[in-house]
Every structure is written in C-alpha cells, then in structure tokens.
C-alpha cells in the first residue's frame, strides 16, 4: 500500500497544494498508547527548516546528537495520534525553540529499495537484533524532556552516513 501522506506534505512544501483543511469528519477513536495533549510543548512535530547536524553523544543520561532515543511520534496521516518509537537525534533545528532536538525515525520494517529510508543495520537500540532503517524525508523536532529513554549511540561512521543523506536530500 502506498503511503501518500509524505507526497502530500512534499507538494505542500513546494507550493503545489493548499494547506490541509478540516474535513468535518469526526475524529478517529483514540489509538492505543500514550497520546500527549495538543498543547504539550515537548510534543514531536514535523520540521521543514534546516538542521545543524552534529555528532556529540555523551553517556550522561541526556539526549545528545548521535544517540538513539525513544519519544512519542505523531502519525503523518493523523497528527493527533501516534506512538512511542525510536529516533536518531541528528542535531538542532536552525531557528528552533531553545534546546529542541532534531530527530529522524527508526524502523525495523524492511524498507530496502525505498529511497526515503537509509538502512543502518543492527544496533544496541533493538534488543531483538533486527536490522533498522532511518527515515530521511521526515524530520521532527522534540523537546529534550519528551525523550523517554536512551537506546544507544551510533558510531561516527554510521551517523555521518545519515547526516550526508539528510544534507543531500534536504539541501542543507
């Protein structure tokens, strides 16, 4: 099944579609799992601006660029719902709020051949040892206090591959 949400978002960014309007349909029933309040300043949200990419993991219990952490991520098709998932902290959003972190989602689903995803391989963030991929076309920002736990730090070489792919795709 083709996910058209990313295409609509890209077309809106490029000016090819008007902003989304309410449809008047009733809201979906609540999804399982935590759903932050809409006013939560720590809520992850899509970011369309540039990101200052840096690799600076520190084993200090705080989320740092280069680390895999868990946070609540809204569904692209329905931002009012989402789920807790692993993300890679890639740096700070240029012009973002205070200490916001720029992150990209990880997935253990097979995304081979999909140019929106970069295969990272296995890592300590997945206890089952599954191969993970990072999504390149959707960058999010999140407040540090909204990070639930740390999973691991990416080695510099893997992080640099992610950073290079993001810079190339987004022209930062």
N, C-alpha and C. Protein backbone atom coordinates (compact mmCIF):
# COMPACT_ATOMS: atom_id res chain seq x y z
N UNK A 1 0.85 -1.17 0.00
CA UNK A 1 0.00 0.00 0.00
C UNK A 1 0.89 1.24 0.00
N UNK A 2 0.65 2.15 -0.86
CA UNK A 2 1.43 3.37 -1.00
C UNK A 2 0.97 4.41 0.02
N UNK A 3 1.91 4.93 0.80
CA UNK A 3 1.61 5.97 1.76
C UNK A 3 1.72 7.31 1.04
N UNK A 4 0.59 7.95 0.81
CA UNK A 4 0.58 9.19 0.05
C UNK A 4 0.77 10.42 0.94
N UNK A 5 0.79 10.24 2.26
CA UNK A 5 0.94 11.36 3.18
C UNK A 5 2.23 12.13 2.94
N UNK A 6 3.34 11.42 2.73
CA UNK A 6 4.62 12.10 2.52
C UNK A 6 4.61 12.89 1.23
N UNK A 7 3.90 12.39 0.20
CA UNK A 7 3.83 13.10 -1.07
C UNK A 7 3.01 14.37 -0.93
N UNK A 8 1.89 14.30 -0.21
CA UNK A 8 1.08 15.50 0.01
C UNK A 8 1.87 16.55 0.77
N UNK A 9 2.63 16.12 1.80
CA UNK A 9 3.42 17.06 2.58
C UNK A 9 4.50 17.71 1.72
N UNK A 10 5.14 16.93 0.86
CA UNK A 10 6.17 17.47 -0.03
C UNK A 10 5.56 18.47 -1.01
N UNK A 11 4.40 18.13 -1.58
CA UNK A 11 3.76 19.05 -2.52
C UNK A 11 3.34 20.34 -1.83
N UNK A 12 2.86 20.25 -0.57
CA UNK A 12 2.51 21.47 0.16
C UNK A 12 3.74 22.33 0.38
N UNK A 13 4.88 21.68 0.74
CA UNK A 13 6.12 22.42 0.96
C UNK A 13 6.56 23.15 -0.30
N UNK A 14 6.35 22.51 -1.44
CA UNK A 14 6.78 23.09 -2.71
C UNK A 14 5.74 24.04 -3.28
N UNK A 15 4.61 24.19 -2.61
CA UNK A 15 3.59 25.13 -3.05
C UNK A 15 2.60 24.56 -4.03
N UNK A 16 2.61 23.22 -4.24
CA UNK A 16 1.72 22.60 -5.21
C UNK A 16 0.35 22.25 -4.66
N UNK A 17 0.16 22.30 -3.35
CA UNK A 17 -1.13 22.00 -2.74
C UNK A 17 -1.45 23.07 -1.70
N UNK A 18 -2.72 23.40 -1.54
CA UNK A 18 -3.08 24.35 -0.48
C UNK A 18 -2.94 23.66 0.88
N UNK A 19 -2.89 24.42 1.96
CA UNK A 19 -2.82 23.80 3.29
C UNK A 19 -4.02 22.88 3.51
N UNK A 20 -3.80 21.86 4.32
CA UNK A 20 -4.88 20.92 4.63
C UNK A 20 -5.99 21.66 5.37
N UNK A 21 -7.24 21.30 5.06
CA UNK A 21 -8.39 21.91 5.73
C UNK A 21 -9.15 20.83 6.47
N UNK A 22 -9.83 21.21 7.53
CA UNK A 22 -10.65 20.23 8.23
C UNK A 22 -11.73 19.67 7.30
N UNK A 23 -12.01 18.39 7.44
CA UNK A 23 -12.98 17.75 6.55
C UNK A 23 -14.37 17.69 7.15
N UNK A 24 -14.50 17.98 8.44
CA UNK A 24 -15.80 17.91 9.08
C UNK A 24 -16.13 16.50 9.53
N UNK A 25 -15.25 15.52 9.23
CA UNK A 25 -15.48 14.16 9.69
C UNK A 25 -15.16 14.06 11.17
N UNK A 26 -15.80 13.16 11.88
CA UNK A 26 -15.48 13.00 13.30
C UNK A 26 -14.06 12.48 13.46
N UNK A 27 -13.46 12.81 14.59
CA UNK A 27 -12.10 12.35 14.88
C UNK A 27 -12.07 10.84 15.04
N UNK A 28 -10.91 10.27 14.74
CA UNK A 28 -10.72 8.83 14.96
C UNK A 28 -10.81 8.51 16.44
N UNK A 29 -11.18 7.27 16.76
CA UNK A 29 -11.14 6.89 18.17
C UNK A 29 -9.69 6.90 18.64
N UNK A 30 -9.44 7.11 19.93
CA UNK A 30 -8.07 7.18 20.44
C UNK A 30 -7.28 5.92 20.12
N UNK A 31 -6.01 6.12 19.75
CA UNK A 31 -5.11 5.00 19.46
C UNK A 31 -4.57 4.45 20.77
N UNK A 32 -4.14 3.21 20.74
CA UNK A 32 -3.54 2.62 21.93
C UNK A 32 -2.21 3.31 22.19
N UNK A 33 -1.85 3.44 23.43
CA UNK A 33 -0.57 4.04 23.78
C UNK A 33 -0.73 5.49 24.20
N UNK A 34 0.38 6.09 24.62
CA UNK A 34 0.31 7.45 25.13
C UNK A 34 0.02 8.46 24.03
N UNK A 35 -0.84 9.41 24.32
CA UNK A 35 -1.14 10.49 23.38
C UNK A 35 -0.99 11.79 24.15
N UNK A 36 0.06 12.58 23.84
CA UNK A 36 0.24 13.82 24.59
C UNK A 36 -0.85 14.84 24.27
N UNK A 37 -1.08 15.74 25.18
CA UNK A 37 -2.04 16.82 24.96
C UNK A 37 -1.54 17.71 23.83
N UNK A 38 -2.43 18.23 22.97
CA UNK A 38 -2.00 19.06 21.85
C UNK A 38 -1.16 20.26 22.28
N UNK A 39 -1.36 20.79 23.48
CA UNK A 39 -0.61 21.95 23.92
C UNK A 39 0.75 21.58 24.50
N UNK A 40 1.09 20.29 24.58
CA UNK A 40 2.35 19.85 25.15
C UNK A 40 3.51 20.43 24.34
N UNK A 41 4.34 21.31 24.92
CA UNK A 41 5.43 21.91 24.16
C UNK A 41 6.52 20.90 23.81
N UNK A 42 6.51 19.72 24.41
CA UNK A 42 7.51 18.72 24.10
C UNK A 42 7.10 17.79 22.98
N UNK A 43 5.88 17.92 22.52
CA UNK A 43 5.36 17.03 21.50
C UNK A 43 6.18 17.10 20.23
N UNK A 44 6.57 15.96 19.70
CA UNK A 44 7.31 15.92 18.44
C UNK A 44 6.44 16.49 17.33
N UNK A 45 7.06 17.26 16.47
CA UNK A 45 6.31 17.87 15.36
C UNK A 45 7.21 17.90 14.14
N UNK A 46 6.59 17.92 12.98
CA UNK A 46 7.34 17.95 11.73
C UNK A 46 8.12 19.25 11.61
N UNK A 47 9.29 19.17 11.01
CA UNK A 47 10.18 20.32 10.83
C UNK A 47 10.55 20.41 9.36
N UNK A 48 10.34 21.57 8.76
CA UNK A 48 10.64 21.75 7.34
C UNK A 48 11.89 22.59 7.12
N UNK A 49 12.45 23.17 8.18
CA UNK A 49 13.62 24.04 8.04
C UNK A 49 14.93 23.28 8.10
N UNK A 50 16.03 24.02 8.02
CA UNK A 50 17.35 23.39 8.08
C UNK A 50 17.67 22.88 9.48
N UNK A 51 18.63 21.98 9.53
CA UNK A 51 19.09 21.40 10.79
C UNK A 51 20.61 21.52 10.85
N UNK A 52 21.11 21.92 12.01
CA UNK A 52 22.56 21.92 12.25
C UNK A 52 22.92 20.52 12.73
N UNK A 53 23.47 19.71 11.83
CA UNK A 53 23.79 18.32 12.14
C UNK A 53 25.12 18.27 12.89
N UNK A 54 25.12 17.50 13.98
CA UNK A 54 26.35 17.32 14.75
C UNK A 54 26.32 15.96 15.42
N UNK A 55 27.49 15.43 15.70
CA UNK A 55 27.63 14.15 16.39
C UNK A 55 28.31 14.44 17.72
N UNK A 56 27.59 14.28 18.82
CA UNK A 56 28.14 14.61 20.13
C UNK A 56 27.51 13.75 21.23
N UNK A 57 27.55 12.42 21.08
CA UNK A 57 26.95 11.58 22.13
C UNK A 57 27.77 11.63 23.43
N UNK A 58 27.06 11.72 24.55
CA UNK A 58 27.69 11.70 25.88
C UNK A 58 26.90 10.72 26.73
N UNK A 59 27.58 9.89 27.46
CA UNK A 59 26.91 8.91 28.33
C UNK A 59 26.54 9.61 29.63
N UNK A 60 25.55 10.53 29.53
CA UNK A 60 25.18 11.34 30.69
C UNK A 60 23.68 11.28 31.01
N UNK A 61 22.95 10.41 30.32
CA UNK A 61 21.52 10.29 30.57
C UNK A 61 20.68 11.32 29.84
N UNK A 62 21.30 12.25 29.12
CA UNK A 62 20.57 13.25 28.35
C UNK A 62 20.64 12.90 26.87
N UNK A 63 19.62 13.29 26.13
CA UNK A 63 19.60 13.02 24.69
C UNK A 63 20.57 13.96 23.98
N UNK A 64 21.49 13.38 23.22
CA UNK A 64 22.50 14.14 22.50
C UNK A 64 22.51 13.73 21.03
N UNK A 65 22.96 14.63 20.15
CA UNK A 65 23.10 14.26 18.73
C UNK A 65 24.01 13.04 18.57
N UNK A 66 23.51 12.09 17.79
CA UNK A 66 24.24 10.85 17.58
C UNK A 66 23.68 9.68 18.36
N UNK A 67 22.69 9.94 19.22
CA UNK A 67 22.11 8.89 20.05
C UNK A 67 20.74 8.46 19.54
N UNK A 68 20.42 7.21 19.81
CA UNK A 68 19.08 6.69 19.54
C UNK A 68 18.31 6.79 20.84
N UNK A 69 17.15 7.46 20.78
CA UNK A 69 16.31 7.66 21.96
C UNK A 69 14.86 7.32 21.59
N UNK A 70 14.00 7.23 22.60
CA UNK A 70 12.58 6.97 22.35
C UNK A 70 11.77 8.20 22.70
N UNK A 71 10.80 8.50 21.85
CA UNK A 71 9.88 9.61 22.09
C UNK A 71 8.57 9.32 21.36
N UNK A 72 7.54 10.07 21.72
CA UNK A 72 6.24 9.93 21.07
C UNK A 72 6.30 10.64 19.73
N UNK A 73 5.92 9.92 18.66
CA UNK A 73 5.95 10.47 17.29
C UNK A 73 4.54 10.43 16.72
N UNK A 74 4.04 11.58 16.24
CA UNK A 74 2.69 11.60 15.66
C UNK A 74 2.66 10.86 14.32
N UNK A 75 1.53 10.24 14.03
CA UNK A 75 1.34 9.62 12.72
C UNK A 75 1.27 10.73 11.69
N UNK A 76 1.83 10.50 10.54
CA UNK A 76 1.85 11.50 9.49
C UNK A 76 0.44 11.79 8.98
N UNK A 77 -0.39 10.75 8.86
CA UNK A 77 -1.74 10.90 8.33
C UNK A 77 -2.69 11.51 9.32
N UNK A 78 -2.39 11.38 10.64
CA UNK A 78 -3.27 11.88 11.69
C UNK A 78 -2.42 12.34 12.86
N UNK A 79 -1.92 13.58 12.82
CA UNK A 79 -1.00 14.06 13.85
C UNK A 79 -1.56 14.05 15.27
N UNK A 80 -2.86 13.89 15.43
CA UNK A 80 -3.44 13.79 16.77
C UNK A 80 -3.18 12.45 17.43
N UNK A 81 -2.70 11.50 16.67
CA UNK A 81 -2.41 10.17 17.18
C UNK A 81 -0.98 9.80 16.81
N UNK A 82 -0.41 8.86 17.54
CA UNK A 82 0.96 8.45 17.25
C UNK A 82 1.36 7.30 18.14
N UNK A 83 2.68 7.11 18.26
CA UNK A 83 3.17 6.05 19.13
C UNK A 83 4.59 6.35 19.58
N UNK A 84 4.99 5.68 20.65
CA UNK A 84 6.34 5.81 21.16
C UNK A 84 7.25 5.00 20.24
N UNK A 85 8.34 5.62 19.77
CA UNK A 85 9.22 4.91 18.84
C UNK A 85 10.64 5.42 18.94
N UNK A 86 11.60 4.62 18.44
CA UNK A 86 12.99 5.07 18.47
C UNK A 86 13.25 6.09 17.37
N UNK A 87 14.10 7.06 17.70
CA UNK A 87 14.52 8.09 16.75
C UNK A 87 16.02 8.31 16.93
N UNK A 88 16.65 8.82 15.87
CA UNK A 88 18.06 9.21 15.96
C UNK A 88 18.09 10.72 16.12
N UNK A 89 18.78 11.20 17.14
CA UNK A 89 18.97 12.64 17.31
C UNK A 89 20.08 13.04 16.35
N UNK A 90 19.75 13.94 15.40
CA UNK A 90 20.74 14.31 14.38
C UNK A 90 21.32 15.70 14.60
N UNK A 91 20.74 16.49 15.50
CA UNK A 91 21.28 17.83 15.77
C UNK A 91 20.21 18.74 16.32
N UNK A 92 20.33 20.02 15.97
CA UNK A 92 19.40 21.04 16.44
C UNK A 92 18.75 21.74 15.25
N UNK A 93 17.45 22.03 15.34
CA UNK A 93 16.79 22.76 14.25
C UNK A 93 17.28 24.21 14.23
N UNK A 94 17.66 24.70 13.07
CA UNK A 94 18.09 26.08 12.92
C UNK A 94 16.86 26.97 13.08
N UNK A 95 16.87 27.85 14.07
CA UNK A 95 15.73 28.71 14.33
C UNK A 95 14.67 28.06 15.19
N UNK A 96 14.98 26.90 15.77
CA UNK A 96 14.01 26.19 16.61
C UNK A 96 13.93 26.80 18.00
N UNK A 97 13.08 26.19 18.83
CA UNK A 97 12.90 26.67 20.20
C UNK A 97 14.01 26.14 21.10
N UNK A 98 14.66 27.02 21.82
CA UNK A 98 15.61 26.65 22.87
C UNK A 98 16.46 25.43 22.60
N UNK A 99 16.22 24.41 23.40
CA UNK A 99 17.03 23.20 23.34
C UNK A 99 16.41 22.08 22.50
N UNK A 100 15.45 22.41 21.62
CA UNK A 100 14.81 21.38 20.79
C UNK A 100 15.85 20.51 20.09
N UNK A 101 15.48 19.27 19.89
CA UNK A 101 16.32 18.31 19.20
C UNK A 101 15.71 17.98 17.84
N UNK A 102 16.54 17.87 16.82
CA UNK A 102 16.08 17.41 15.51
C UNK A 102 16.29 15.91 15.47
N UNK A 103 15.25 15.15 15.10
CA UNK A 103 15.31 13.70 15.11
C UNK A 103 14.73 13.12 13.82
N UNK A 104 15.14 11.90 13.51
CA UNK A 104 14.56 11.14 12.40
C UNK A 104 14.20 9.75 12.93
N UNK A 105 13.10 9.21 12.41
CA UNK A 105 12.55 7.95 12.91
C UNK A 105 13.35 6.74 12.47
N UNK A 106 13.36 5.73 13.34
CA UNK A 106 13.91 4.42 13.02
C UNK A 106 12.77 3.43 12.84
N UNK A 107 13.01 2.42 12.03
CA UNK A 107 12.03 1.36 11.83
C UNK A 107 12.76 0.04 11.63
N UNK A 108 12.16 -1.03 12.12
CA UNK A 108 12.73 -2.36 11.89
C UNK A 108 12.01 -3.06 10.74
N UNK A 109 11.05 -2.39 10.12
CA UNK A 109 10.40 -2.97 8.94
C UNK A 109 11.36 -2.92 7.76
N UNK A 110 11.16 -3.80 6.81
CA UNK A 110 12.02 -3.85 5.63
C UNK A 110 11.68 -2.69 4.69
N UNK A 111 12.64 -1.80 4.49
CA UNK A 111 12.46 -0.66 3.59
C UNK A 111 13.49 -0.69 2.45
N UNK A 112 14.04 -1.87 2.19
CA UNK A 112 15.04 -1.99 1.13
C UNK A 112 14.45 -1.51 -0.19
N UNK A 113 15.20 -0.69 -0.89
CA UNK A 113 14.77 -0.18 -2.18
C UNK A 113 13.94 1.09 -2.11
N UNK A 114 13.55 1.53 -0.92
CA UNK A 114 12.77 2.75 -0.76
C UNK A 114 13.76 3.89 -0.49
N UNK A 115 13.84 4.85 -1.38
CA UNK A 115 14.83 5.93 -1.27
C UNK A 115 14.56 6.88 -0.11
N UNK A 116 13.38 6.78 0.50
CA UNK A 116 13.08 7.62 1.66
C UNK A 116 13.76 7.08 2.91
N UNK A 117 14.28 5.87 2.85
CA UNK A 117 14.87 5.21 4.01
C UNK A 117 16.33 4.84 3.73
N UNK A 118 17.15 4.91 4.77
CA UNK A 118 18.56 4.50 4.71
C UNK A 118 18.74 3.34 5.68
N UNK A 119 19.22 2.22 5.18
CA UNK A 119 19.44 1.05 6.03
C UNK A 119 20.66 1.31 6.93
N UNK A 120 20.46 1.16 8.25
CA UNK A 120 21.55 1.36 9.21
C UNK A 120 22.18 0.06 9.66
N UNK A 121 21.42 -1.00 9.66
CA UNK A 121 21.91 -2.27 10.18
C UNK A 121 21.40 -2.49 11.60
N UNK A 122 22.07 -3.34 12.33
CA UNK A 122 21.66 -3.67 13.69
C UNK A 122 22.38 -2.79 14.69
N UNK A 123 21.81 -2.71 15.89
CA UNK A 123 22.44 -1.91 16.93
C UNK A 123 21.85 -2.22 18.29
N UNK A 124 22.50 -1.71 19.31
CA UNK A 124 22.10 -1.97 20.70
C UNK A 124 20.72 -1.40 21.03
N UNK A 125 20.18 -0.52 20.21
CA UNK A 125 18.85 0.05 20.46
C UNK A 125 17.73 -0.96 20.25
N UNK A 126 18.01 -2.05 19.54
CA UNK A 126 17.00 -3.09 19.28
C UNK A 126 17.45 -4.39 19.94
N UNK A 127 16.80 -4.74 21.04
CA UNK A 127 17.19 -5.93 21.80
C UNK A 127 17.02 -7.22 21.01
N UNK A 128 16.19 -7.17 19.96
CA UNK A 128 15.97 -8.37 19.15
C UNK A 128 16.99 -8.50 18.02
N UNK A 129 17.87 -7.52 17.88
CA UNK A 129 18.92 -7.58 16.87
C UNK A 129 18.43 -7.42 15.44
N UNK A 130 17.28 -6.76 15.26
CA UNK A 130 16.73 -6.59 13.92
C UNK A 130 17.48 -5.47 13.18
N UNK A 131 17.48 -5.57 11.85
CA UNK A 131 18.05 -4.53 11.01
C UNK A 131 17.14 -3.32 11.07
N UNK A 132 17.71 -2.14 11.26
CA UNK A 132 16.94 -0.91 11.33
C UNK A 132 17.26 -0.01 10.15
N UNK A 133 16.27 0.79 9.79
CA UNK A 133 16.44 1.82 8.76
C UNK A 133 16.00 3.15 9.35
N UNK A 134 16.56 4.24 8.83
CA UNK A 134 16.20 5.57 9.29
C UNK A 134 15.46 6.29 8.16
N UNK A 135 14.38 6.97 8.51
CA UNK A 135 13.58 7.68 7.51
C UNK A 135 14.20 9.06 7.27
N UNK A 136 14.50 9.36 6.03
CA UNK A 136 15.21 10.59 5.67
C UNK A 136 14.29 11.75 5.31
N UNK A 137 13.11 11.48 4.79
CA UNK A 137 12.27 12.56 4.26
C UNK A 137 11.36 13.21 5.30
N UNK A 138 11.37 12.72 6.52
CA UNK A 138 10.54 13.32 7.58
C UNK A 138 11.41 13.64 8.79
N UNK A 139 11.67 14.91 8.98
CA UNK A 139 12.47 15.36 10.12
C UNK A 139 11.50 15.92 11.16
N UNK A 140 11.73 15.59 12.40
CA UNK A 140 10.90 16.04 13.51
C UNK A 140 11.75 16.81 14.51
N UNK A 141 11.10 17.65 15.29
CA UNK A 141 11.77 18.29 16.42
C UNK A 141 11.01 17.92 17.68
N UNK A 142 11.76 17.79 18.77
CA UNK A 142 11.18 17.39 20.05
C UNK A 142 11.98 18.05 21.16
N UNK A 143 11.30 18.40 22.24
CA UNK A 143 11.97 18.95 23.42
C UNK A 143 12.69 17.83 24.16
N UNK A 144 13.85 18.11 24.73
CA UNK A 144 14.60 17.06 25.44
C UNK A 144 13.80 16.38 26.55
N UNK A 145 12.91 17.11 27.23
CA UNK A 145 12.15 16.49 28.32
C UNK A 145 11.13 15.46 27.81
N UNK A 146 10.86 15.44 26.51
CA UNK A 146 9.90 14.50 25.95
C UNK A 146 10.55 13.18 25.55
N UNK A 147 11.87 13.09 25.70
CA UNK A 147 12.57 11.85 25.38
C UNK A 147 12.39 10.89 26.55
N UNK A 148 11.95 9.66 26.26
CA UNK A 148 11.63 8.71 27.31
C UNK A 148 12.84 7.92 27.80
N UNK A 149 13.69 7.49 26.90
CA UNK A 149 14.87 6.71 27.31
C UNK A 149 15.87 6.67 26.18
N UNK A 150 17.09 6.37 26.53
CA UNK A 150 18.15 6.26 25.54
C UNK A 150 18.34 4.80 25.17
N UNK A 151 18.68 4.55 23.91
CA UNK A 151 18.90 3.19 23.45
C UNK A 151 20.35 2.88 23.20
N UNK A 152 21.05 3.80 22.56
CA UNK A 152 22.45 3.58 22.20
C UNK A 152 22.96 4.81 21.48
N UNK A 153 24.24 4.80 21.19
CA UNK A 153 24.83 5.86 20.36
C UNK A 153 25.27 5.23 19.05
N UNK A 154 25.05 5.96 17.96
CA UNK A 154 25.55 5.49 16.66
C UNK A 154 27.04 5.75 16.59
N UNK A 155 27.75 4.83 15.96
CA UNK A 155 29.16 5.06 15.69
C UNK A 155 29.27 6.24 14.73
N UNK A 156 30.39 6.93 14.78
CA UNK A 156 30.56 8.14 13.96
C UNK A 156 30.34 7.84 12.48
N UNK A 157 30.84 6.72 11.99
CA UNK A 157 30.70 6.39 10.56
C UNK A 157 29.23 6.25 10.16
N UNK A 158 28.44 5.55 10.96
CA UNK A 158 27.01 5.39 10.63
C UNK A 158 26.29 6.73 10.73
N UNK A 159 26.61 7.50 11.77
CA UNK A 159 25.98 8.81 11.92
C UNK A 159 26.31 9.70 10.73
N UNK A 160 27.55 9.68 10.28
CA UNK A 160 27.96 10.51 9.14
C UNK A 160 27.21 10.10 7.86
N UNK A 161 26.91 8.80 7.71
CA UNK A 161 26.11 8.37 6.55
C UNK A 161 24.71 8.96 6.61
N UNK A 162 24.12 8.97 7.81
CA UNK A 162 22.79 9.55 7.99
C UNK A 162 22.85 11.05 7.70
N UNK A 163 23.83 11.74 8.28
CA UNK A 163 23.96 13.18 8.08
C UNK A 163 24.16 13.54 6.61
N UNK A 164 24.99 12.80 5.91
CA UNK A 164 25.23 13.06 4.48
C UNK A 164 23.96 12.86 3.66
N UNK A 165 23.23 11.79 3.96
CA UNK A 165 21.99 11.52 3.22
C UNK A 165 20.96 12.61 3.49
N UNK A 166 20.86 13.08 4.74
CA UNK A 166 19.92 14.16 5.06
C UNK A 166 20.31 15.46 4.36
N UNK A 167 21.58 15.80 4.40
CA UNK A 167 22.04 17.03 3.74
C UNK A 167 21.76 17.00 2.24
N UNK A 168 22.00 15.85 1.64
CA UNK A 168 21.79 15.72 0.18
C UNK A 168 20.30 15.83 -0.15
N UNK A 169 19.46 15.15 0.60
CA UNK A 169 18.02 15.16 0.30
C UNK A 169 17.39 16.52 0.55
N UNK A 170 17.77 17.18 1.66
CA UNK A 170 17.11 18.42 2.06
C UNK A 170 17.87 19.67 1.63
N UNK A 171 19.06 19.50 1.06
CA UNK A 171 19.87 20.62 0.56
C UNK A 171 20.26 21.58 1.69
N UNK A 172 20.70 21.04 2.83
CA UNK A 172 21.15 21.87 3.95
C UNK A 172 22.60 22.23 3.76
